[in-house]
């Protein structure tokens, strides 16, 4: 038997967990934090070193270096220090050869930038301080566009702008449910708006309708529906005067099924689809394209809370078939495709960017 490969921070989390040395080390670390390897399943295809950025400080580069050093030294935890990975069960009769087809590990997706795709354009991006909004604003800026980056956090906007020194970025702190702030966003664009990426949004608390509070309903609809509508309403006259414009709204898997969230979030994202389709129909002949992206599991800073035992039980049951979570940059790729002229013949579409979840 050949010696196991030497692990590095570039190896995937899945590779680490399946490694005879790296697996026990990772499981020991998780056990010390009261976690099981299941917590890493959504990001198992990513390189171990990617956890440094994704964990927001909870998993440091020093920890990665220590894990690599322990693996290289063969520092396997003592028996009983952590649960070993279960052996896969076989249903074949004893003595029967079982032939499992070899499956190559999926390669990690790499973003490919087109330096001039948004040259000469002005794009408004809401929620630009973090997650999908930040990744979308970043890609537009790196592809030559002028970005009106909108968020509720000045600190996050400052961090975003600092990461893109020299790019054409205008930052604006604004609540998209406030009509005055919406007017400021349009004014900041300076008379030309080629695109709007409506990405800002909030999650609900997973409550079913029998337990839903008015406060949750109103807050979720205010941001996800009213805010989306207000920005669309504000930019349409500018786009009509230009004879061209592209709007991409952020729906969700919750806009395609009833099992992805609580009733408030689910209903709000169904409403976003209605806004998208109606506007596409009304203004398509006038040169406007209006589409939506429905993300599946995505690594962002929007965290779900479970205020209802029933909601937690039902939604978690549905999540058993979740595909691996995508990074925000993968969703930005879908959004910028629809925003750009590459989406020239697409109007009124809800694009499921969900790793195949909607196909199950």
Protein backbone atom coordinates (compact mmCIF):
# COMPACT_ATOMS: atom_id res chain seq x y z
CA UNK A 1 0.00 0.00 0.00
CA UNK A 2 1.39 3.39 -0.97
CA UNK A 3 1.81 6.13 1.58
CA UNK A 4 -1.04 8.66 1.72
CA UNK A 5 -0.48 11.92 -0.10
CA UNK A 6 0.98 14.89 1.72
CA UNK A 7 -1.81 17.33 2.52
CA UNK A 8 -1.63 21.09 1.96
CA UNK A 9 -3.97 24.01 2.40
CA UNK A 10 -4.78 23.74 -1.31
CA UNK A 11 -6.41 20.34 -0.86
CA UNK A 12 -10.17 20.29 -0.56
CA UNK A 13 -11.92 19.86 2.76
CA UNK A 14 -13.36 16.61 1.40
CA UNK A 15 -9.84 15.36 0.69
CA UNK A 16 -8.79 16.24 4.23
CA UNK A 17 -11.77 14.48 5.79
CA UNK A 18 -11.18 11.30 3.77
CA UNK A 19 -7.43 11.25 4.45
CA UNK A 20 -6.21 8.66 7.01
CA UNK A 21 -4.18 11.33 8.81
CA UNK A 22 -5.97 14.56 7.96
CA UNK A 23 -9.44 13.17 8.67
CA UNK A 24 -8.90 12.38 12.36
CA UNK A 25 -7.12 15.71 12.86
CA UNK A 26 -10.01 17.68 11.36
CA UNK A 27 -12.62 15.70 13.30
CA UNK A 28 -10.70 16.23 16.54
CA UNK A 29 -10.67 20.00 15.91
CA UNK A 30 -14.38 20.01 15.18
CA UNK A 31 -15.16 17.90 18.24
CA UNK A 32 -13.30 20.37 20.45
CA UNK A 33 -15.65 23.07 19.17
CA UNK A 34 -18.70 20.85 19.70
CA UNK A 35 -19.18 20.33 15.95
CA UNK A 36 -19.39 17.34 13.65
CA UNK A 37 -17.96 17.03 10.12
CA UNK A 38 -21.49 17.66 8.78
CA UNK A 39 -20.95 21.37 9.40
CA UNK A 40 -18.36 21.37 6.59
CA UNK A 41 -20.48 19.51 4.04
CA UNK A 42 -21.71 22.65 2.20
CA UNK A 43 -18.10 23.76 1.59
CA UNK A 44 -16.47 20.34 1.23
CA UNK A 45 -15.30 21.01 -2.33
CA UNK A 46 -13.40 24.15 -1.37
CA UNK A 47 -9.71 24.23 -0.51
CA UNK A 48 -9.01 24.16 3.22
CA UNK A 49 -7.31 27.55 3.03
CA UNK A 50 -10.56 29.13 1.81
CA UNK A 51 -11.96 28.77 5.32
CA UNK A 52 -9.74 31.63 6.44
CA UNK A 53 -11.81 34.14 4.49
CA UNK A 54 -15.17 32.40 4.72
CA UNK A 55 -15.09 31.93 8.50
CA UNK A 56 -14.66 35.68 9.13
CA UNK A 57 -11.82 35.21 11.61
CA UNK A 58 -12.95 32.01 13.32
CA UNK A 59 -10.50 29.92 11.30
CA UNK A 60 -7.12 31.62 10.92
CA UNK A 61 -4.21 31.10 8.57
CA UNK A 62 -2.22 30.02 11.61
CA UNK A 63 -4.72 27.21 12.19
CA UNK A 64 -4.37 26.09 8.57
CA UNK A 65 -0.57 26.05 8.93
CA UNK A 66 -0.83 24.04 12.14
CA UNK A 67 -3.13 21.48 10.52
CA UNK A 68 -0.78 21.09 7.56
CA UNK A 69 2.19 20.67 9.90
CA UNK A 70 0.36 18.04 11.99
CA UNK A 71 -0.66 16.11 8.89
CA UNK A 72 2.91 16.19 7.55
CA UNK A 73 4.19 14.89 10.88
CA UNK A 74 1.59 12.13 10.99
CA UNK A 75 0.22 13.51 14.25
CA UNK A 76 -2.93 11.38 14.35
CA UNK A 77 -5.11 11.87 17.47
CA UNK A 78 -5.09 9.02 19.97
CA UNK A 79 -7.87 6.45 19.60
CA UNK A 80 -11.05 7.68 21.24
CA UNK A 81 -10.05 11.33 20.97
CA UNK A 82 -12.51 11.77 18.14
CA UNK A 83 -15.06 9.70 16.30
CA UNK A 84 -13.72 7.92 13.30
CA UNK A 85 -15.48 8.21 9.96
CA UNK A 86 -17.94 5.36 9.50
CA UNK A 87 -17.09 2.70 7.00
CA UNK A 88 -19.41 2.67 3.99
CA UNK A 89 -21.95 -0.13 4.21
CA UNK A 90 -22.17 -2.78 1.52
CA UNK A 91 -25.37 -4.60 0.68
CA UNK A 92 -23.67 -7.17 -1.56
CA UNK A 93 -23.58 -10.80 -0.36
CA UNK A 94 -20.39 -11.91 1.32
CA UNK A 95 -17.78 -12.86 -1.23
CA UNK A 96 -19.37 -10.79 -3.99
CA UNK A 97 -17.08 -8.31 -5.71
CA UNK A 98 -18.42 -4.76 -5.52
CA UNK A 99 -17.27 -2.50 -8.32
CA UNK A 100 -17.66 1.18 -7.49
CA UNK A 101 -17.03 3.42 -10.50
CA UNK A 102 -14.25 5.92 -9.98
CA UNK A 103 -15.53 9.47 -9.71
CA UNK A 104 -13.07 12.28 -10.28
CA UNK A 105 -13.21 15.11 -7.74
CA UNK A 106 -15.01 18.16 -9.05
CA UNK A 107 -12.60 20.95 -9.92
CA UNK A 108 -12.96 24.19 -8.01
CA UNK A 109 -14.67 26.87 -10.07
CA UNK A 110 -12.48 29.81 -11.08
CA UNK A 111 -13.88 33.23 -11.89
CA UNK A 112 -12.92 34.53 -15.35
CA UNK A 113 -12.96 38.29 -15.77
CA UNK A 114 -13.82 40.09 -19.02
CA UNK A 115 -12.06 43.40 -18.54
CA UNK A 116 -14.36 45.40 -20.83
CA UNK A 117 -17.79 43.81 -20.46
CA UNK A 118 -19.24 46.74 -18.48
CA UNK A 119 -17.07 49.50 -19.92
CA UNK A 120 -18.97 52.78 -20.22
CA UNK A 121 -21.90 51.60 -18.10
CA UNK A 122 -23.31 52.71 -14.75
CA UNK A 123 -24.81 49.94 -12.61
CA UNK A 124 -26.60 50.31 -9.28
CA UNK A 125 -25.97 47.41 -6.88
CA UNK A 126 -27.86 47.18 -3.61
CA UNK A 127 -26.53 45.11 -0.74
CA UNK A 128 -23.06 45.88 -2.09
CA UNK A 129 -21.33 45.71 1.27
CA UNK A 130 -21.36 41.96 1.65
CA UNK A 131 -22.26 38.59 0.20
CA UNK A 132 -23.75 38.32 -3.28
CA UNK A 133 -24.11 42.10 -3.59
CA UNK A 134 -20.46 42.69 -2.84
CA UNK A 135 -19.32 39.98 -5.24
CA UNK A 136 -21.55 41.40 -7.98
CA UNK A 137 -20.39 44.98 -7.44
CA UNK A 138 -16.78 43.77 -7.43
CA UNK A 139 -17.14 41.91 -10.70
CA UNK A 140 -18.81 44.86 -12.43
CA UNK A 141 -16.07 47.22 -11.22
CA UNK A 142 -13.31 44.85 -12.34
CA UNK A 143 -14.98 44.52 -15.71
CA UNK A 144 -14.88 48.26 -16.31
CA UNK A 145 -18.26 49.43 -15.04
CA UNK A 146 -19.08 52.38 -12.84
CA UNK A 147 -20.77 51.06 -9.71
CA UNK A 148 -23.22 52.85 -7.45
CA UNK A 149 -22.64 50.65 -4.41
CA UNK A 150 -25.52 50.82 -1.92
CA UNK A 151 -25.64 49.29 1.54
CA UNK A 152 -26.87 50.05 5.06
CA UNK A 153 -23.31 49.82 6.44
CA UNK A 154 -20.75 52.55 5.80
CA UNK A 155 -18.02 50.33 7.25
CA UNK A 156 -18.71 47.54 4.76
CA UNK A 157 -18.87 49.99 1.87
CA UNK A 158 -15.55 51.56 2.89
CA UNK A 159 -13.93 48.10 3.00
CA UNK A 160 -15.34 47.30 -0.44
CA UNK A 161 -14.11 50.55 -1.98
CA UNK A 162 -10.66 50.13 -0.41
CA UNK A 163 -10.34 46.71 -2.05
CA UNK A 164 -10.95 48.29 -5.48
CA UNK A 165 -8.72 51.33 -5.42
CA UNK A 166 -8.82 53.13 -8.76
CA UNK A 167 -12.16 51.64 -9.81
CA UNK A 168 -15.16 53.83 -10.59
CA UNK A 169 -17.16 53.27 -7.41
CA UNK A 170 -19.64 55.60 -5.73
CA UNK A 171 -20.68 54.41 -2.27
CA UNK A 172 -23.95 55.39 -0.69
CA UNK A 173 -25.44 54.38 2.66
CA UNK A 174 -29.16 54.01 2.12
CA UNK A 175 -32.24 52.15 3.30
CA UNK A 176 -33.95 51.02 0.10
CA UNK A 177 -37.36 51.23 1.77
CA UNK A 178 -36.92 55.02 2.18
CA UNK A 179 -38.22 57.03 -0.81
CA UNK A 180 -35.83 59.89 -0.08
CA UNK A 181 -32.84 57.55 -0.10
CA UNK A 182 -34.05 55.87 -3.29
CA UNK A 183 -34.07 59.30 -4.94
CA UNK A 184 -30.50 59.85 -3.69
CA UNK A 185 -29.42 56.57 -5.25
CA UNK A 186 -30.81 57.56 -8.64
CA UNK A 187 -29.24 61.02 -8.34
CA UNK A 188 -25.86 59.45 -7.56
CA UNK A 189 -25.99 57.65 -10.89
CA UNK A 190 -25.79 61.04 -12.58
CA UNK A 191 -28.48 60.74 -15.25
CA UNK A 192 -27.51 57.39 -16.74
CA UNK A 193 -28.45 53.98 -15.39
CA UNK A 194 -27.59 51.00 -17.54
CA UNK A 195 -28.35 48.37 -14.97
CA UNK A 196 -29.84 47.71 -11.56
CA UNK A 197 -28.93 44.69 -9.45
CA UNK A 198 -31.56 44.46 -6.71
CA UNK A 199 -29.70 42.24 -4.26
CA UNK A 200 -30.35 43.67 -0.80
CA UNK A 201 -32.67 41.43 1.18
CA UNK A 202 -33.34 39.83 4.54
CA UNK A 203 -34.36 36.39 5.75
CA UNK A 204 -37.32 35.54 7.96
CA UNK A 205 -37.34 33.37 11.08
CA UNK A 206 -38.72 30.23 9.37
CA UNK A 207 -42.15 30.53 10.97
CA UNK A 208 -45.20 28.96 9.31
CA UNK A 209 -48.28 31.12 8.92
CA UNK A 210 -49.91 29.83 12.12
CA UNK A 211 -47.04 31.29 14.14
CA UNK A 212 -46.19 34.33 11.97
CA UNK A 213 -45.98 37.74 13.64
CA UNK A 214 -47.04 40.95 11.93
CA UNK A 215 -43.61 42.40 12.69
CA UNK A 216 -41.74 39.69 10.76
CA UNK A 217 -44.16 39.85 7.83
CA UNK A 218 -43.96 43.64 7.53
CA UNK A 219 -40.18 43.82 7.88
CA UNK A 220 -39.47 41.07 5.34
CA UNK A 221 -41.91 42.52 2.81
CA UNK A 222 -40.65 46.07 3.38
CA UNK A 223 -37.09 45.13 2.37
CA UNK A 224 -37.58 42.26 -0.07
CA UNK A 225 -40.65 43.54 -1.92
CA UNK A 226 -41.15 47.25 -1.25
CA UNK A 227 -37.44 48.04 -1.55
CA UNK A 228 -37.12 46.04 -4.75
CA UNK A 229 -40.21 47.72 -6.20
CA UNK A 230 -39.10 51.23 -5.24
CA UNK A 231 -35.71 50.88 -6.95
CA UNK A 232 -37.32 49.39 -10.07
CA UNK A 233 -39.90 52.18 -10.19
CA UNK A 234 -37.20 54.80 -9.81
CA UNK A 235 -34.85 53.55 -12.55
CA UNK A 236 -37.42 52.65 -15.22
CA UNK A 237 -38.00 56.27 -16.40
CA UNK A 238 -34.24 56.78 -16.82
CA UNK A 239 -33.89 53.53 -18.76
CA UNK A 240 -36.90 54.34 -20.96
CA UNK A 241 -35.34 57.70 -21.86
CA UNK A 242 -32.17 55.82 -22.91
CA UNK A 243 -34.12 53.16 -24.79
CA UNK A 244 -32.16 50.47 -22.99
CA UNK A 245 -31.61 49.03 -19.55
CA UNK A 246 -31.26 45.78 -17.60
CA UNK A 247 -32.70 44.96 -14.20
CA UNK A 248 -31.83 41.82 -12.27
CA UNK A 249 -33.79 41.09 -9.13
CA UNK A 250 -32.78 38.54 -6.51
CA UNK A 251 -35.46 35.94 -5.98
CA UNK A 252 -34.59 32.67 -4.26
CA UNK A 253 -35.23 28.97 -4.30
CA UNK A 254 -38.04 30.07 -1.98
CA UNK A 255 -39.64 31.68 -5.04
CA UNK A 256 -39.79 28.26 -6.71
CA UNK A 257 -40.82 26.00 -3.84
CA UNK A 258 -42.49 26.16 -0.46
CA UNK A 259 -39.86 24.25 1.49
CA UNK A 260 -36.91 26.65 1.52
CA UNK A 261 -37.93 29.17 4.19
CA UNK A 262 -40.75 30.50 6.35
CA UNK A 263 -43.96 31.90 4.92
CA UNK A 264 -42.91 35.55 4.97
CA UNK A 265 -39.67 35.05 3.04
CA UNK A 266 -41.29 32.56 0.66
CA UNK A 267 -44.18 34.89 -0.13
CA UNK A 268 -41.85 37.87 -0.52
CA UNK A 269 -39.70 36.08 -3.08
CA UNK A 270 -42.77 34.91 -5.00
CA UNK A 271 -43.73 38.59 -5.10
CA UNK A 272 -40.29 39.47 -6.51
CA UNK A 273 -40.96 37.04 -9.36
CA UNK A 274 -44.26 38.80 -10.01
CA UNK A 275 -42.52 42.18 -10.11
CA UNK A 276 -39.96 40.76 -12.51
CA UNK A 277 -42.35 39.13 -14.95
CA UNK A 278 -44.86 41.99 -15.07
CA UNK A 279 -42.17 44.60 -15.65
CA UNK A 280 -40.48 42.47 -18.32
CA UNK A 281 -43.79 42.12 -20.14
CA UNK A 282 -44.71 45.79 -19.90
CA UNK A 283 -41.38 47.29 -20.91
CA UNK A 284 -39.74 44.62 -23.08
CA UNK A 285 -40.80 46.36 -26.32
CA UNK A 286 -39.25 49.58 -25.00
CA UNK A 287 -35.74 48.12 -24.71
CA UNK A 288 -35.74 47.04 -21.07
CA UNK A 289 -34.80 43.55 -19.92
CA UNK A 290 -35.96 42.45 -16.47
CA UNK A 291 -34.92 39.10 -15.05
CA UNK A 292 -34.40 37.44 -11.70
CA UNK A 293 -31.85 35.05 -10.28
CA UNK A 294 -33.01 32.42 -7.80
CA UNK A 295 -30.00 31.45 -5.65
CA UNK A 296 -29.80 28.13 -3.90
CA UNK A 297 -27.54 27.57 -0.89
CA UNK A 298 -24.95 30.34 -0.93
CA UNK A 299 -22.17 31.30 1.44
CA UNK A 300 -23.21 34.79 2.58
CA UNK A 301 -23.64 36.73 5.81
CA UNK A 302 -27.44 36.23 5.77
CA UNK A 303 -28.11 33.66 8.47
CA UNK A 304 -31.34 31.78 9.02
CA UNK A 305 -32.87 31.68 12.48
CA UNK A 306 -35.47 29.17 13.61
CA UNK A 307 -38.13 30.74 15.82
CA UNK A 308 -40.52 27.85 15.26
CA UNK A 309 -39.91 24.19 16.15
CA UNK A 310 -42.29 23.17 13.35
CA UNK A 311 -40.55 25.45 10.87
CA UNK A 312 -37.15 24.09 11.90
CA UNK A 313 -38.30 20.47 11.57
CA UNK A 314 -39.94 20.91 8.16
CA UNK A 315 -37.28 23.12 6.55
CA UNK A 316 -34.37 21.02 7.82
CA UNK A 317 -36.06 17.94 6.43
CA UNK A 318 -36.20 19.59 3.01
CA UNK A 319 -32.57 20.68 3.33
CA UNK A 320 -31.46 17.05 3.35
CA UNK A 321 -31.30 17.22 -0.45
CA UNK A 322 -29.41 20.50 -0.59
CA UNK A 323 -26.49 20.65 -3.02
CA UNK A 324 -23.19 22.09 -1.86
CA UNK A 325 -23.31 25.79 -1.09
CA UNK A 326 -21.94 28.11 -3.75
CA UNK A 327 -19.72 31.07 -3.10
CA UNK A 328 -21.12 34.54 -3.67
CA UNK A 329 -18.88 34.95 -6.72
CA UNK A 330 -20.71 32.12 -8.47
CA UNK A 331 -24.00 33.95 -8.02
CA UNK A 332 -22.37 37.16 -9.22
CA UNK A 333 -21.45 35.32 -12.41
CA UNK A 334 -25.12 34.55 -13.05
CA UNK A 335 -26.28 38.06 -12.15
CA UNK A 336 -23.69 39.86 -14.26
CA UNK A 337 -24.47 37.60 -17.22
CA UNK A 338 -28.09 38.75 -17.13
CA UNK A 339 -27.11 42.38 -16.50
CA UNK A 340 -24.69 42.50 -19.40
CA UNK A 341 -25.31 42.45 -23.14
CA UNK A 342 -24.49 38.73 -23.00
CA UNK A 343 -28.10 38.30 -21.86
CA UNK A 344 -29.42 40.18 -24.89
CA UNK A 345 -32.24 37.74 -25.71
CA UNK A 346 -33.32 36.96 -22.15
CA UNK A 347 -36.27 38.80 -20.64
CA UNK A 348 -38.76 37.85 -17.94
CA UNK A 349 -36.76 34.80 -16.86
CA UNK A 350 -36.21 33.44 -13.36
CA UNK A 351 -32.78 31.84 -13.58
CA UNK A 352 -32.30 29.15 -10.94
CA UNK A 353 -28.64 29.43 -9.94
CA UNK A 354 -28.81 26.71 -7.37
CA UNK A 355 -26.50 23.83 -8.26
CA UNK A 356 -29.45 21.77 -9.45
CA UNK A 357 -31.59 22.02 -6.31
CA UNK A 358 -34.67 23.01 -8.33
CA UNK A 359 -34.24 19.86 -10.44
CA UNK A 360 -34.80 17.56 -7.44
